[in-house]
N, C-alpha and C. Protein backbone atom coordinates (compact mmCIF):
# COMPACT_ATOMS: atom_id res chain seq x y z
N HIS A 1 -101.55 -22.02 54.04
CA HIS A 1 -101.57 -21.05 52.97
C HIS A 1 -100.59 -21.48 51.88
N TYR A 2 -100.83 -20.98 50.71
CA TYR A 2 -100.06 -21.40 49.53
C TYR A 2 -99.70 -20.18 48.69
N MET A 3 -98.46 -20.13 48.22
CA MET A 3 -98.04 -19.06 47.33
C MET A 3 -97.24 -19.69 46.19
N SER A 4 -97.55 -19.25 44.99
CA SER A 4 -96.81 -19.69 43.81
C SER A 4 -96.44 -18.45 43.01
N ALA A 5 -95.19 -18.39 42.58
CA ALA A 5 -94.73 -17.24 41.82
C ALA A 5 -93.85 -17.70 40.67
N ASP A 6 -94.08 -17.12 39.50
CA ASP A 6 -93.19 -17.30 38.36
C ASP A 6 -92.35 -16.04 38.26
N LEU A 7 -91.04 -16.24 38.30
CA LEU A 7 -90.13 -15.10 38.24
C LEU A 7 -89.52 -14.99 36.86
N VAL A 8 -89.31 -13.77 36.42
CA VAL A 8 -88.67 -13.48 35.14
C VAL A 8 -87.37 -12.75 35.46
N ILE A 9 -86.27 -13.31 34.99
CA ILE A 9 -84.95 -12.73 35.23
C ILE A 9 -84.52 -11.95 33.99
N SER A 10 -84.22 -10.68 34.16
CA SER A 10 -83.77 -9.83 33.05
C SER A 10 -82.24 -9.84 33.01
N THR A 11 -81.70 -10.42 31.94
CA THR A 11 -80.25 -10.54 31.82
C THR A 11 -79.82 -10.21 30.39
N SER A 12 -78.55 -10.08 30.20
CA SER A 12 -78.02 -9.81 28.85
C SER A 12 -77.55 -11.14 28.25
N PRO A 13 -77.41 -11.20 26.94
CA PRO A 13 -76.90 -12.44 26.32
C PRO A 13 -75.53 -12.84 26.89
N LYS A 14 -74.75 -11.86 27.27
CA LYS A 14 -73.41 -12.11 27.80
C LYS A 14 -73.45 -12.85 29.15
N THR A 15 -74.43 -12.55 29.99
CA THR A 15 -74.49 -13.15 31.33
C THR A 15 -75.60 -14.18 31.47
N GLU A 16 -76.28 -14.51 30.37
CA GLU A 16 -77.41 -15.45 30.43
C GLU A 16 -76.98 -16.83 30.94
N LYS A 17 -75.86 -17.35 30.45
CA LYS A 17 -75.40 -18.68 30.87
C LYS A 17 -75.11 -18.70 32.37
N GLU A 18 -74.44 -17.68 32.86
CA GLU A 18 -74.12 -17.59 34.29
C GLU A 18 -75.40 -17.52 35.12
N ALA A 19 -76.37 -16.74 34.67
CA ALA A 19 -77.64 -16.63 35.40
C ALA A 19 -78.35 -17.98 35.44
N LYS A 20 -78.35 -18.71 34.34
CA LYS A 20 -78.98 -20.04 34.30
C LYS A 20 -78.30 -21.00 35.26
N GLU A 21 -76.98 -20.92 35.34
CA GLU A 21 -76.23 -21.79 36.25
C GLU A 21 -76.56 -21.50 37.71
N GLN A 22 -77.00 -20.29 37.99
CA GLN A 22 -77.30 -19.90 39.37
C GLN A 22 -78.78 -20.02 39.73
N LEU A 23 -79.60 -20.59 38.84
CA LEU A 23 -81.03 -20.70 39.11
C LEU A 23 -81.37 -21.43 40.42
N PRO A 24 -80.67 -22.53 40.78
CA PRO A 24 -81.00 -23.15 42.07
C PRO A 24 -80.83 -22.19 43.26
N MET A 25 -79.75 -21.42 43.25
CA MET A 25 -79.53 -20.44 44.32
C MET A 25 -80.61 -19.36 44.28
N LEU A 26 -80.96 -18.91 43.08
CA LEU A 26 -81.99 -17.88 42.94
C LEU A 26 -83.33 -18.37 43.47
N ARG A 27 -83.67 -19.62 43.17
CA ARG A 27 -84.91 -20.19 43.71
C ARG A 27 -84.87 -20.22 45.23
N SER A 28 -83.74 -20.62 45.77
CA SER A 28 -83.61 -20.71 47.23
C SER A 28 -83.80 -19.35 47.89
N VAL A 29 -83.18 -18.32 47.34
CA VAL A 29 -83.32 -16.97 47.88
C VAL A 29 -84.77 -16.51 47.77
N ALA A 30 -85.41 -16.79 46.64
CA ALA A 30 -86.80 -16.38 46.43
C ALA A 30 -87.73 -17.08 47.43
N VAL A 31 -87.55 -18.38 47.60
CA VAL A 31 -88.40 -19.12 48.54
C VAL A 31 -88.19 -18.61 49.96
N ARG A 32 -86.94 -18.41 50.34
CA ARG A 32 -86.65 -17.92 51.70
C ARG A 32 -87.27 -16.55 51.92
N THR A 33 -87.16 -15.67 50.93
CA THR A 33 -87.69 -14.31 51.05
C THR A 33 -89.22 -14.31 51.13
N LEU A 34 -89.85 -15.03 50.23
CA LEU A 34 -91.32 -15.04 50.20
C LEU A 34 -91.91 -15.81 51.37
N SER A 35 -91.22 -16.85 51.83
CA SER A 35 -91.72 -17.64 52.97
C SER A 35 -91.71 -16.85 54.27
N ASN A 36 -90.85 -15.85 54.37
CA ASN A 36 -90.77 -15.05 55.58
C ASN A 36 -91.86 -13.99 55.68
N LEU A 37 -92.65 -13.82 54.62
CA LEU A 37 -93.71 -12.81 54.65
C LEU A 37 -94.94 -13.37 55.36
N PRO A 38 -95.45 -12.67 56.36
CA PRO A 38 -96.71 -13.11 56.97
C PRO A 38 -97.83 -13.05 55.93
N ILE A 39 -98.76 -13.98 55.98
CA ILE A 39 -99.82 -14.05 54.98
C ILE A 39 -100.63 -12.76 54.92
N ALA A 40 -100.88 -12.14 56.05
CA ALA A 40 -101.65 -10.89 56.06
C ALA A 40 -100.91 -9.80 55.30
N THR A 41 -99.60 -9.77 55.43
CA THR A 41 -98.79 -8.79 54.71
C THR A 41 -98.78 -9.11 53.22
N ALA A 42 -98.55 -10.37 52.88
CA ALA A 42 -98.46 -10.78 51.48
C ALA A 42 -99.76 -10.49 50.72
N GLN A 43 -100.89 -10.68 51.37
CA GLN A 43 -102.17 -10.45 50.70
C GLN A 43 -102.40 -8.98 50.37
N LEU A 44 -101.72 -8.08 51.06
CA LEU A 44 -101.89 -6.65 50.83
C LEU A 44 -100.83 -6.06 49.90
N MET A 45 -99.81 -6.85 49.56
CA MET A 45 -98.71 -6.34 48.75
C MET A 45 -99.07 -6.30 47.27
N THR A 46 -98.49 -5.33 46.57
CA THR A 46 -98.64 -5.25 45.12
C THR A 46 -97.54 -6.08 44.46
N ILE A 47 -97.70 -6.31 43.18
CA ILE A 47 -96.67 -7.03 42.42
C ILE A 47 -95.33 -6.29 42.49
N ASP A 48 -95.39 -4.97 42.38
CA ASP A 48 -94.16 -4.17 42.46
C ASP A 48 -93.48 -4.33 43.82
N GLN A 49 -94.25 -4.44 44.88
CA GLN A 49 -93.68 -4.62 46.22
C GLN A 49 -93.02 -5.99 46.34
N PHE A 50 -93.65 -7.03 45.79
CA PHE A 50 -93.02 -8.36 45.79
C PHE A 50 -91.70 -8.31 45.03
N ALA A 51 -91.71 -7.71 43.85
CA ALA A 51 -90.50 -7.62 43.04
C ALA A 51 -89.41 -6.85 43.78
N ALA A 52 -89.79 -5.77 44.46
CA ALA A 52 -88.81 -4.98 45.22
C ALA A 52 -88.19 -5.81 46.34
N GLU A 53 -89.01 -6.57 47.05
CA GLU A 53 -88.49 -7.43 48.13
C GLU A 53 -87.51 -8.46 47.58
N LEU A 54 -87.87 -9.07 46.46
CA LEU A 54 -86.99 -10.08 45.87
C LEU A 54 -85.69 -9.46 45.36
N ASN A 55 -85.79 -8.32 44.69
CA ASN A 55 -84.58 -7.67 44.19
C ASN A 55 -83.66 -7.25 45.32
N LYS A 56 -84.25 -6.78 46.42
CA LYS A 56 -83.45 -6.43 47.59
C LYS A 56 -82.74 -7.66 48.14
N ALA A 57 -83.46 -8.78 48.22
CA ALA A 57 -82.87 -10.02 48.74
C ALA A 57 -81.73 -10.50 47.84
N PHE A 58 -81.93 -10.43 46.52
CA PHE A 58 -80.87 -10.84 45.60
C PHE A 58 -79.66 -9.91 45.70
N ASP A 59 -79.91 -8.60 45.79
CA ASP A 59 -78.80 -7.65 45.94
C ASP A 59 -77.99 -7.96 47.19
N GLU A 60 -78.68 -8.20 48.30
CA GLU A 60 -78.00 -8.49 49.57
C GLU A 60 -77.22 -9.80 49.50
N THR A 61 -77.80 -10.81 48.85
CA THR A 61 -77.12 -12.11 48.73
C THR A 61 -75.84 -11.99 47.92
N TYR A 62 -75.92 -11.34 46.77
CA TYR A 62 -74.73 -11.19 45.94
C TYR A 62 -73.69 -10.31 46.61
N GLU A 63 -74.13 -9.27 47.30
CA GLU A 63 -73.18 -8.41 48.01
C GLU A 63 -72.48 -9.19 49.12
N HIS A 64 -73.24 -9.99 49.86
CA HIS A 64 -72.68 -10.79 50.94
C HIS A 64 -71.65 -11.80 50.42
N GLU A 65 -71.92 -12.35 49.23
CA GLU A 65 -71.01 -13.33 48.64
C GLU A 65 -69.87 -12.68 47.87
N GLY A 66 -69.92 -11.34 47.71
CA GLY A 66 -68.87 -10.63 47.01
C GLY A 66 -68.83 -10.92 45.52
N ARG A 67 -70.00 -11.22 44.96
CA ARG A 67 -70.09 -11.52 43.52
C ARG A 67 -70.99 -10.49 42.83
N GLU A 68 -70.79 -10.37 41.52
CA GLU A 68 -71.62 -9.48 40.73
C GLU A 68 -72.85 -10.26 40.25
N LYS A 69 -74.01 -9.62 40.32
CA LYS A 69 -75.25 -10.24 39.85
C LYS A 69 -75.19 -10.40 38.33
N PRO A 70 -75.55 -11.61 37.81
CA PRO A 70 -75.54 -11.81 36.37
C PRO A 70 -76.87 -11.40 35.70
N PHE A 71 -77.64 -10.58 36.37
CA PHE A 71 -78.91 -10.11 35.84
C PHE A 71 -79.19 -8.73 36.40
N SER A 72 -80.07 -7.99 35.72
CA SER A 72 -80.33 -6.62 36.17
C SER A 72 -81.48 -6.54 37.16
N GLU A 73 -82.52 -7.36 36.94
CA GLU A 73 -83.63 -7.35 37.89
C GLU A 73 -84.46 -8.60 37.75
N VAL A 74 -85.26 -8.84 38.77
CA VAL A 74 -86.23 -9.93 38.79
C VAL A 74 -87.62 -9.31 38.75
N MET A 75 -88.45 -9.86 37.89
CA MET A 75 -89.83 -9.38 37.78
C MET A 75 -90.76 -10.56 38.06
N ILE A 76 -91.98 -10.25 38.43
CA ILE A 76 -92.99 -11.28 38.72
C ILE A 76 -93.79 -11.52 37.45
N GLY A 77 -93.78 -12.77 36.96
CA GLY A 77 -94.55 -13.12 35.78
C GLY A 77 -95.96 -13.56 36.15
N LYS A 78 -96.07 -14.22 37.32
CA LYS A 78 -97.36 -14.69 37.80
C LYS A 78 -97.26 -14.87 39.31
N LEU A 79 -98.34 -14.56 40.02
CA LEU A 79 -98.35 -14.71 41.47
C LEU A 79 -99.72 -15.20 41.91
N ILE A 80 -99.73 -16.28 42.68
CA ILE A 80 -100.97 -16.83 43.22
C ILE A 80 -100.79 -16.97 44.73
N ILE A 81 -101.74 -16.41 45.49
CA ILE A 81 -101.73 -16.55 46.94
C ILE A 81 -103.09 -17.11 47.35
N GLU A 82 -103.09 -18.24 48.02
CA GLU A 82 -104.32 -18.85 48.49
C GLU A 82 -104.24 -19.11 49.97
């Protein structure tokens, strides 16, 4: 099975540079989160549910690391599941 997602990060001009610097970590968290979804579950999820799962994963990651998130939310720009 194959999944491709384009994520849109909502940030302020003040924290944009910091968010860009953290893109490799953000990709890693996104891949880990989406890879753990069983295909049957993923096929039934809405875009809002995917975004909620990702936002939850990012919130938990930043909380665990004791850092403030440099963005307000992650949205799904495109999602393909085959």
